[in-house]
Amino acid sequence: MKAFSIFRLGRILLVYLQEEIDDEQVKELLKELTRKVRTVGARAVIVDLSDVEVMDTYLAENIQRLATTMNLFRAEVVVAGLGAHAISALKAFDMSFGRELRFALDAEHALSKLGCRIVDVGS
């Protein structure tokens, strides 16, 4: 089973990442995401980590690598859904993500940061 899913929202790609992702799956994610960014001309990538409870240096470094790669294609990256434990781990690791990575509370907030309006049509 894949440890990630990629969904297209116009020119924005939403990457849903599960906690258990190994080296081969990270390589596969970068390859598939790079192909999709080029194919659809994506302007942004949202990485949803809402189901990731434990953030280790391996995952943090791979998110940084993903952001750096997407930056080469001029696609902005927003990480969404980090829980309190993951944020604490990032602080403990003293991770610095640089300019190419932004953070949001959830996917909806990430879309808002990218200038998208969410319209509620149901009631």
C-alpha atoms as a PDB file:
ATOM      1  CA  MET A   1       0.000   0.000   0.000  1.00  0.00           C
ATOM      2  CA  LYS A   2       1.241   3.487  -0.862  1.00  0.00           C
ATOM      3  CA  ALA A   3       2.161   5.749   2.011  1.00  0.00           C
ATOM      4  CA  PHE A   4       0.919   8.802   0.105  1.00  0.00           C
ATOM      5  CA  SER A   5      -1.849  10.029  -2.177  1.00  0.00           C
ATOM      6  CA  ILE A   6      -1.780  12.987  -4.566  1.00  0.00           C
ATOM      7  CA  PHE A   7      -4.971  14.871  -5.464  1.00  0.00           C
ATOM      8  CA  ARG A   8      -5.340  17.657  -8.009  1.00  0.00           C
ATOM      9  CA  LEU A   9      -7.267  20.812  -7.102  1.00  0.00           C
ATOM     10  CA  GLY A  10      -6.895  22.855 -10.275  1.00  0.00           C
ATOM     11  CA  ARG A  11      -3.271  24.023 -10.304  1.00  0.00           C
ATOM     12  CA  ILE A  12      -2.758  23.007  -6.683  1.00  0.00           C
ATOM     13  CA  LEU A  13      -1.696  19.505  -5.705  1.00  0.00           C
ATOM     14  CA  LEU A  14      -2.698  18.072  -2.330  1.00  0.00           C
ATOM     15  CA  VAL A  15      -0.354  15.407  -0.978  1.00  0.00           C
ATOM     16  CA  TYR A  16      -1.737  13.281   1.823  1.00  0.00           C
ATOM     17  CA  LEU A  17       1.129  11.633   3.665  1.00  0.00           C
ATOM     18  CA  GLN A  18       0.834   8.746   6.093  1.00  0.00           C
ATOM     19  CA  GLU A  19       3.246   8.278   8.958  1.00  0.00           C
ATOM     20  CA  GLU A  20       4.883   5.089   7.725  1.00  0.00           C
ATOM     21  CA  ILE A  21       6.913   6.094   4.672  1.00  0.00           C
ATOM     22  CA  ASP A  22      10.219   4.463   3.789  1.00  0.00           C
ATOM     23  CA  ASP A  23      13.140   5.482   1.559  1.00  0.00           C
ATOM     24  CA  GLU A  24      11.700   3.908  -1.590  1.00  0.00           C
ATOM     25  CA  GLN A  25       8.297   5.505  -1.067  1.00  0.00           C
ATOM     26  CA  VAL A  26       9.902   8.918  -0.528  1.00  0.00           C
ATOM     27  CA  LYS A  27      11.753   8.528  -3.841  1.00  0.00           C
ATOM     28  CA  GLU A  28       8.506   7.438  -5.510  1.00  0.00           C
ATOM     29  CA  LEU A  29       6.650  10.422  -4.018  1.00  0.00           C
ATOM     30  CA  LEU A  30       9.262  12.908  -5.255  1.00  0.00           C
ATOM     31  CA  LYS A  31       9.291  11.332  -8.726  1.00  0.00           C
ATOM     32  CA  GLU A  32       5.479  11.220  -9.047  1.00  0.00           C
ATOM     33  CA  LEU A  33       4.995  14.689  -7.573  1.00  0.00           C
ATOM     34  CA  THR A  34       7.646  16.196  -9.852  1.00  0.00           C
ATOM     35  CA  ARG A  35       5.961  14.609 -12.877  1.00  0.00           C
ATOM     36  CA  LYS A  36       2.530  15.920 -11.847  1.00  0.00           C
ATOM     37  CA  VAL A  37       3.813  19.425 -11.077  1.00  0.00           C
ATOM     38  CA  ARG A  38       5.317  19.584 -14.574  1.00  0.00           C
ATOM     39  CA  THR A  39       2.287  18.008 -16.282  1.00  0.00           C
ATOM     40  CA  VAL A  40      -0.405  20.210 -14.717  1.00  0.00           C
ATOM     41  CA  GLY A  41       1.763  23.288 -14.262  1.00  0.00           C
ATOM     42  CA  ALA A  42       0.991  23.283 -10.549  1.00  0.00           C
ATOM     43  CA  ARG A  43       1.635  26.547  -8.774  1.00  0.00           C
ATOM     44  CA  ALA A  44       1.461  25.051  -5.282  1.00  0.00           C
ATOM     45  CA  VAL A  45       1.667  21.827  -3.294  1.00  0.00           C
ATOM     46  CA  ILE A  46      -0.069  21.277   0.028  1.00  0.00           C
ATOM     47  CA  VAL A  47       1.429  18.486   2.141  1.00  0.00           C
ATOM     48  CA  ASP A  48      -1.195  17.249   4.608  1.00  0.00           C
ATOM     49  CA  LEU A  49       0.400  15.667   7.666  1.00  0.00           C
ATOM     50  CA  SER A  50      -2.735  15.533   9.805  1.00  0.00           C
ATOM     51  CA  ASP A  51      -2.362  11.773  10.375  1.00  0.00           C
ATOM     52  CA  VAL A  52       1.329  11.976  11.264  1.00  0.00           C
ATOM     53  CA  GLU A  53       1.679  11.784  15.031  1.00  0.00           C
ATOM     54  CA  VAL A  54       5.445  11.361  15.290  1.00  0.00           C
ATOM     55  CA  MET A  55       7.813  13.660  13.425  1.00  0.00           C
ATOM     56  CA  ASP A  56      11.367  12.379  13.257  1.00  0.00           C
ATOM     57  CA  THR A  57      14.418  13.892  11.588  1.00  0.00           C
ATOM     58  CA  TYR A  58      14.058  11.504   8.631  1.00  0.00           C
ATOM     59  CA  LEU A  59      10.551  12.722   7.790  1.00  0.00           C
ATOM     60  CA  ALA A  60      11.450  16.363   8.464  1.00  0.00           C
ATOM     61  CA  GLU A  61      14.479  16.187   6.158  1.00  0.00           C
ATOM     62  CA  ASN A  62      12.390  14.591   3.399  1.00  0.00           C
ATOM     63  CA  ILE A  63       9.758  17.313   3.664  1.00  0.00           C
ATOM     64  CA  GLN A  64      12.569  19.848   3.306  1.00  0.00           C
ATOM     65  CA  ARG A  65      13.877  17.959   0.252  1.00  0.00           C
ATOM     66  CA  LEU A  66      10.375  17.937  -1.252  1.00  0.00           C
ATOM     67  CA  ALA A  67      10.040  21.697  -0.696  1.00  0.00           C
ATOM     68  CA  THR A  68      13.439  22.399  -2.249  1.00  0.00           C
ATOM     69  CA  THR A  69      12.568  20.265  -5.295  1.00  0.00           C
ATOM     70  CA  MET A  70       9.169  21.925  -5.756  1.00  0.00           C
ATOM     71  CA  ASN A  71      10.811  25.339  -5.422  1.00  0.00           C
ATOM     72  CA  LEU A  72      12.910  24.503  -8.501  1.00  0.00           C
ATOM     73  CA  PHE A  73       9.618  24.160 -10.416  1.00  0.00           C
ATOM     74  CA  ARG A  74       8.318  27.415  -8.916  1.00  0.00           C
ATOM     75  CA  ALA A  75       5.643  25.567  -6.954  1.00  0.00           C
ATOM     76  CA  GLU A  76       4.994  26.940  -3.492  1.00  0.00           C
ATOM     77  CA  VAL A  77       4.805  24.380  -0.660  1.00  0.00           C
ATOM     78  CA  VAL A  78       2.541  24.602   2.382  1.00  0.00           C
ATOM     79  CA  VAL A  79       2.652  21.953   5.110  1.00  0.00           C
ATOM     80  CA  ALA A  80      -0.709  21.495   6.822  1.00  0.00           C
ATOM     81  CA  GLY A  81      -2.066  19.599   9.772  1.00  0.00           C
ATOM     82  CA  LEU A  82       0.935  19.296  12.048  1.00  0.00           C
ATOM     83  CA  GLY A  83      -0.096  18.220  15.526  1.00  0.00           C
ATOM     84  CA  ALA A  84       1.346  19.530  18.769  1.00  0.00           C
ATOM     85  CA  HIS A  85       3.677  16.529  19.130  1.00  0.00           C
ATOM     86  CA  ALA A  86       5.096  17.018  15.635  1.00  0.00           C
ATOM     87  CA  ILE A  87       5.663  20.725  16.223  1.00  0.00           C
ATOM     88  CA  SER A  88       7.410  19.984  19.521  1.00  0.00           C
ATOM     89  CA  ALA A  89       9.663  17.482  17.771  1.00  0.00           C
ATOM     90  CA  LEU A  90      10.579  20.011  15.081  1.00  0.00           C
ATOM     91  CA  LYS A  91      11.509  22.533  17.767  1.00  0.00           C
ATOM     92  CA  ALA A  92      13.545  19.896  19.616  1.00  0.00           C
ATOM     93  CA  PHE A  93      15.413  19.031  16.390  1.00  0.00           C
ATOM     94  CA  ASP A  94      15.996  22.772  15.842  1.00  0.00           C
ATOM     95  CA  MET A  95      14.945  22.263  12.215  1.00  0.00           C
ATOM     96  CA  SER A  96      15.185  25.260   9.914  1.00  0.00           C
ATOM     97  CA  PHE A  97      13.067  24.949   6.780  1.00  0.00           C
ATOM     98  CA  GLY A  98      14.020  28.168   5.051  1.00  0.00           C
ATOM     99  CA  ARG A  99      11.851  30.345   2.831  1.00  0.00           C
ATOM    100  CA  GLU A 100      10.539  27.643   0.531  1.00  0.00           C
ATOM    101  CA  LEU A 101       8.248  26.090   3.147  1.00  0.00           C
ATOM    102  CA  ARG A 102       5.159  27.574   4.800  1.00  0.00           C
ATOM    103  CA  PHE A 103       2.875  26.088   7.447  1.00  0.00           C
ATOM    104  CA  ALA A 104      -0.903  26.033   7.977  1.00  0.00           C
ATOM    105  CA  LEU A 105      -3.262  24.596  10.564  1.00  0.00           C
ATOM    106  CA  ASP A 106      -5.123  22.407   8.065  1.00  0.00           C
ATOM    107  CA  ALA A 107      -5.708  22.005   4.327  1.00  0.00           C
ATOM    108  CA  GLU A 108      -8.423  24.681   4.281  1.00  0.00           C
ATOM    109  CA  HIS A 109      -6.080  27.182   5.965  1.00  0.00           C
ATOM    110  CA  ALA A 110      -3.345  26.192   3.477  1.00  0.00           C
ATOM    111  CA  LEU A 111      -5.675  26.966   0.561  1.00  0.00           C
ATOM    112  CA  SER A 112      -6.444  30.323   2.155  1.00  0.00           C
ATOM    113  CA  LYS A 113      -2.691  31.076   2.479  1.00  0.00           C
ATOM    114  CA  LEU A 114      -2.393  30.338  -1.242  1.00  0.00           C
ATOM    115  CA  GLY A 115      -5.065  32.936  -2.015  1.00  0.00           C
ATOM    116  CA  CYS A 116      -7.933  30.511  -2.650  1.00  0.00           C
ATOM    117  CA  ARG A 117     -11.417  31.287  -1.405  1.00  0.00           C
ATOM    118  CA  ILE A 118     -13.443  28.495   0.117  1.00  0.00           C
ATOM    119  CA  VAL A 119     -17.129  28.871  -0.711  1.00  0.00           C
ATOM    120  CA  ASP A 120     -19.672  26.890   1.303  1.00  0.00           C
ATOM    121  CA  VAL A 121     -22.450  25.950  -1.121  1.00  0.00           C
ATOM    122  CA  GLY A 122     -24.254  23.477   1.122  1.00  0.00           C
ATOM    123  CA  SER A 123     -26.625  24.071   4.005  1.00  0.00           C
END
